[in-house]
Amino acid sequence: MSKIRFTTFATAAIATALVLAGCSMSTGSMDGMEGMEGMDHGGNDSSSSSSGDSNTGANNDADIEFAMGMVPHHEQAVEMADMVLGKEGIDPQVTSLAEKIKAAQGPEITLMKGWLDSWGSPYESMGDMPGMDMGAGMISEEDMARLDAATGVEASRLFLEQMIEHHNGAIEMANVQTSEGSNPDAVELAKNIIKSQTAEIDEMQAILRSL
């Protein structure tokens, strides 16, 4: 009888050990799976990054022509602003306007050059555009030299008169872009140029009347 009881006891002990081992393995496996799921989820989160800001949307020749023409146009406006900002005796309203023009058009130059790169038409590769020296409101070298040499009230007046002409050229170019361009971002920039520079023309005309 004792031998039977010992055998029964041993069998029960072995069974209990196997059950406990199975529970331990199951729990470990679940813990491991949870860890793996956590790693997978983290991987999914890290892979969902936002796309770049470069303008690689559809574009046509009008978009390229607009950016190619507006970059040197803006660059000349920034040069004119730098001229009056480097002078003494300039009307404070003119100084404030020159700072505003420089702050707005400098970043737009960088923006449009980035577009041209993304469109496969880098600005540097195009060289000087025919007709840009005197067309689209660009100021001649002779008039730029006059502005550079002017001082005081004369410099303030020259800057305003030349920038009004310059802005009118930009608005003309922007109007062509809004009607012929296809890239949404470039069309939107053209609309903003029309709105902001029309307002600045009104401001410059008012300042001229006060000088």
Protein backbone atom coordinates (compact mmCIF):
# COMPACT_ATOMS: atom_id res chain seq x y z
CA MET A 1 0.00 0.00 0.00
CA SER A 2 2.84 2.42 0.90
CA LYS A 3 4.42 1.75 -2.47
CA ILE A 4 1.15 2.62 -4.24
CA ARG A 5 0.77 5.82 -2.19
CA PHE A 6 4.37 6.84 -2.99
CA THR A 7 3.77 6.25 -6.71
CA THR A 8 0.55 8.27 -6.62
CA PHE A 9 2.24 11.10 -4.73
CA ALA A 10 5.17 11.16 -7.18
CA THR A 11 2.84 11.20 -10.17
CA ALA A 12 0.83 14.08 -8.68
CA ALA A 13 4.00 16.05 -7.94
CA ILE A 14 5.26 15.62 -11.48
CA ALA A 15 1.91 16.73 -12.91
CA THR A 16 1.86 19.81 -10.67
CA ALA A 17 5.39 20.74 -11.74
CA LEU A 18 4.46 20.41 -15.39
CA VAL A 19 1.39 22.66 -14.95
CA LEU A 20 3.44 25.32 -13.14
CA ALA A 21 6.14 25.18 -15.82
CA GLY A 22 3.53 25.57 -18.55
CA CYS A 23 2.02 28.61 -16.82
CA SER A 24 5.45 30.17 -16.44
CA MET A 25 6.30 29.62 -20.12
CA SER A 26 2.91 31.00 -21.20
CA THR A 27 3.33 34.11 -19.05
CA GLY A 28 6.88 34.63 -20.33
CA SER A 29 5.74 34.24 -23.92
CA MET A 30 2.97 36.80 -23.41
CA ASP A 31 5.39 39.20 -21.77
CA GLY A 32 7.75 38.77 -24.69
CA MET A 33 4.94 39.35 -27.17
CA GLU A 34 3.88 42.50 -25.34
CA GLY A 35 7.44 43.75 -25.49
CA MET A 36 7.62 43.01 -29.20
CA GLU A 37 4.29 44.71 -29.79
CA GLY A 38 5.59 47.76 -27.97
CA MET A 39 8.68 47.78 -30.16
CA ASP A 40 6.61 47.42 -33.30
CA HIS A 41 4.34 50.30 -32.28
CA GLY A 42 7.29 52.49 -31.57
CA GLY A 43 8.69 51.64 -34.96
CA ASN A 44 5.45 52.64 -36.63
CA ASP A 45 5.42 55.97 -34.79
CA SER A 46 8.98 56.80 -35.77
CA SER A 47 8.42 55.92 -39.41
CA SER A 48 5.46 58.30 -39.80
CA SER A 49 7.42 61.50 -40.47
CA SER A 50 6.09 64.51 -42.33
CA SER A 51 7.24 65.24 -45.86
CA GLY A 52 9.68 68.04 -46.74
CA ASP A 53 8.61 71.61 -47.45
CA SER A 54 10.17 71.90 -50.92
CA ASN A 55 7.78 72.72 -53.70
CA THR A 56 7.88 69.69 -56.01
CA GLY A 57 4.30 70.07 -57.27
CA ALA A 58 3.30 70.32 -60.93
CA ASN A 59 4.65 73.37 -62.71
CA ASN A 60 4.79 74.82 -66.19
CA ASP A 61 6.98 77.22 -68.15
CA ALA A 62 5.11 80.23 -66.77
CA ASP A 63 5.98 79.20 -63.19
CA ILE A 64 9.66 78.91 -64.08
CA GLU A 65 9.65 82.22 -65.94
CA PHE A 66 7.94 83.91 -62.99
CA ALA A 67 10.49 82.68 -60.46
CA MET A 68 13.43 83.33 -62.79
CA GLY A 69 12.26 86.91 -63.34
CA MET A 70 11.13 87.68 -59.81
CA VAL A 71 14.38 86.56 -58.11
CA PRO A 72 16.57 89.30 -59.69
CA HIS A 73 13.67 91.74 -59.33
CA HIS A 74 13.54 91.09 -55.59
CA GLU A 75 17.33 91.19 -55.36
CA GLN A 76 17.37 94.69 -56.82
CA ALA A 77 14.68 95.82 -54.37
CA VAL A 78 16.79 94.53 -51.47
CA GLU A 79 19.83 96.34 -52.91
CA MET A 80 17.85 99.59 -53.09
CA ALA A 81 16.66 99.13 -49.52
CA ASP A 82 20.23 98.56 -48.35
CA MET A 83 21.29 101.78 -50.06
CA VAL A 84 18.87 103.99 -48.13
CA LEU A 85 19.35 102.08 -44.88
CA GLY A 86 23.06 102.89 -45.10
CA LYS A 87 22.46 106.64 -45.39
CA GLU A 88 21.95 109.35 -42.80
CA GLY A 89 19.16 111.93 -42.92
CA ILE A 90 16.60 109.57 -44.47
CA ASP A 91 12.98 110.16 -43.55
CA PRO A 92 11.99 107.65 -40.80
CA GLN A 93 8.94 106.55 -42.82
CA VAL A 94 11.23 105.68 -45.73
CA THR A 95 13.63 103.82 -43.46
CA SER A 96 10.76 101.81 -41.98
CA LEU A 97 9.45 100.96 -45.46
CA ALA A 98 12.91 99.90 -46.68
CA GLU A 99 13.28 97.57 -43.68
CA LYS A 100 9.84 96.07 -44.39
CA ILE A 101 10.65 95.49 -48.07
CA LYS A 102 13.97 93.84 -47.23
CA ALA A 103 12.39 91.61 -44.54
CA ALA A 104 9.65 90.43 -46.93
CA GLN A 105 11.57 89.97 -50.16
CA GLY A 106 14.77 88.40 -48.79
CA PRO A 107 13.02 85.17 -47.69
CA GLU A 108 11.00 85.11 -50.93
CA ILE A 109 14.25 85.07 -52.92
CA THR A 110 15.36 81.97 -51.01
CA LEU A 111 11.92 80.40 -51.46
CA MET A 112 11.83 80.88 -55.23
CA LYS A 113 15.40 79.65 -55.70
CA GLY A 114 14.39 76.51 -53.79
CA TRP A 115 11.42 76.04 -56.12
CA LEU A 116 13.64 76.37 -59.18
CA ASP A 117 16.00 73.74 -57.77
CA SER A 118 13.11 71.35 -57.11
CA TRP A 119 11.76 71.97 -60.62
CA GLY A 120 15.12 71.07 -62.15
CA SER A 121 15.83 74.65 -63.32
CA PRO A 122 18.43 76.04 -60.90
CA TYR A 123 18.55 79.83 -60.97
CA GLU A 124 22.36 79.99 -61.20
CA SER A 125 22.38 77.98 -64.44
CA MET A 126 20.25 80.47 -66.35
CA GLY A 127 22.54 83.49 -66.26
CA ASP A 128 21.14 86.93 -67.05
CA MET A 129 17.66 86.92 -68.51
CA PRO A 130 17.21 88.92 -71.73
CA GLY A 131 15.25 92.11 -71.16
CA MET A 132 15.47 92.04 -67.37
CA ASP A 133 17.82 95.04 -67.15
CA MET A 134 15.14 97.50 -68.26
CA GLY A 135 11.95 95.42 -68.31
CA ALA A 136 9.35 94.66 -65.64
CA GLY A 137 10.12 97.80 -63.62
CA MET A 138 13.83 97.06 -63.19
CA ILE A 139 15.84 100.21 -62.41
CA SER A 140 18.68 101.10 -64.77
CA GLU A 141 22.29 101.12 -63.60
CA GLU A 142 22.36 104.89 -64.12
CA ASP A 143 19.35 105.44 -61.85
CA MET A 144 20.77 103.03 -59.25
CA ALA A 145 23.95 105.15 -59.27
CA ARG A 146 21.86 108.29 -58.73
CA LEU A 147 20.17 106.70 -55.73
CA ASP A 148 23.50 105.57 -54.36
CA ALA A 149 24.94 109.10 -54.59
CA ALA A 150 21.87 110.93 -53.23
CA THR A 151 21.52 112.10 -49.64
CA GLY A 152 18.81 113.33 -47.27
CA VAL A 153 15.44 114.29 -48.70
CA GLU A 154 16.65 113.76 -52.26
CA ALA A 155 17.59 110.16 -51.47
CA SER A 156 14.22 109.58 -49.77
CA ARG A 157 12.36 110.92 -52.80
CA LEU A 158 14.44 108.98 -55.32
CA PHE A 159 13.97 105.74 -53.38
CA LEU A 160 10.20 106.18 -53.25
CA GLU A 161 9.86 107.17 -56.92
CA GLN A 162 12.06 104.31 -58.12
CA MET A 163 10.45 101.74 -55.80
CA ILE A 164 6.97 102.68 -57.01
CA GLU A 165 8.13 101.97 -60.57
CA HIS A 166 9.81 98.78 -59.35
CA HIS A 167 6.67 97.58 -57.54
CA ASN A 168 4.51 98.26 -60.60
CA GLY A 169 6.80 95.97 -62.58
CA ALA A 170 6.51 93.23 -59.96
CA ILE A 171 2.71 93.50 -60.00
CA GLU A 172 2.75 93.21 -63.80
CA MET A 173 4.83 90.02 -63.58
CA ALA A 174 2.64 88.64 -60.80
CA ASN A 175 -0.53 89.24 -62.81
CA VAL A 176 0.89 87.14 -65.65
CA GLN A 177 1.68 84.37 -63.17
CA THR A 178 -1.84 84.31 -61.71
CA SER A 179 -3.33 83.86 -65.18
CA GLU A 180 -0.75 81.54 -66.76
CA GLY A 181 1.01 79.69 -63.91
CA SER A 182 -0.02 76.22 -62.77
CA ASN A 183 1.91 75.69 -59.52
CA PRO A 184 -0.44 76.53 -56.61
CA ASP A 185 2.32 77.85 -54.34
CA ALA A 186 3.79 80.07 -57.04
CA VAL A 187 0.35 81.41 -57.94
CA GLU A 188 -0.33 82.11 -54.26
CA LEU A 189 2.96 84.00 -53.93
CA ALA A 190 2.06 86.07 -57.00
CA LYS A 191 -1.29 86.99 -55.43
CA ASN A 192 0.46 88.00 -52.21
CA ILE A 193 2.91 90.17 -54.16
CA ILE A 194 0.04 91.93 -55.90
CA LYS A 195 -1.74 92.60 -52.61
CA SER A 196 1.27 93.66 -50.52
CA GLN A 197 3.02 95.76 -53.16
CA THR A 198 -0.18 97.54 -54.19
CA ALA A 199 -0.58 98.57 -50.54
CA GLU A 200 3.06 99.67 -50.40
CA ILE A 201 2.63 101.82 -53.53
CA ASP A 202 -0.24 103.63 -51.79
CA GLU A 203 1.97 104.07 -48.72
CA MET A 204 4.89 105.42 -50.77
CA GLN A 205 2.70 107.86 -52.64
CA ALA A 206 1.39 109.19 -49.33
CA ILE A 207 4.94 109.60 -47.98
CA LEU A 208 5.99 111.42 -51.13
CA ARG A 209 3.18 113.92 -50.65
CA SER A 210 4.39 114.57 -47.11
CA LEU A 211 8.04 115.22 -48.01
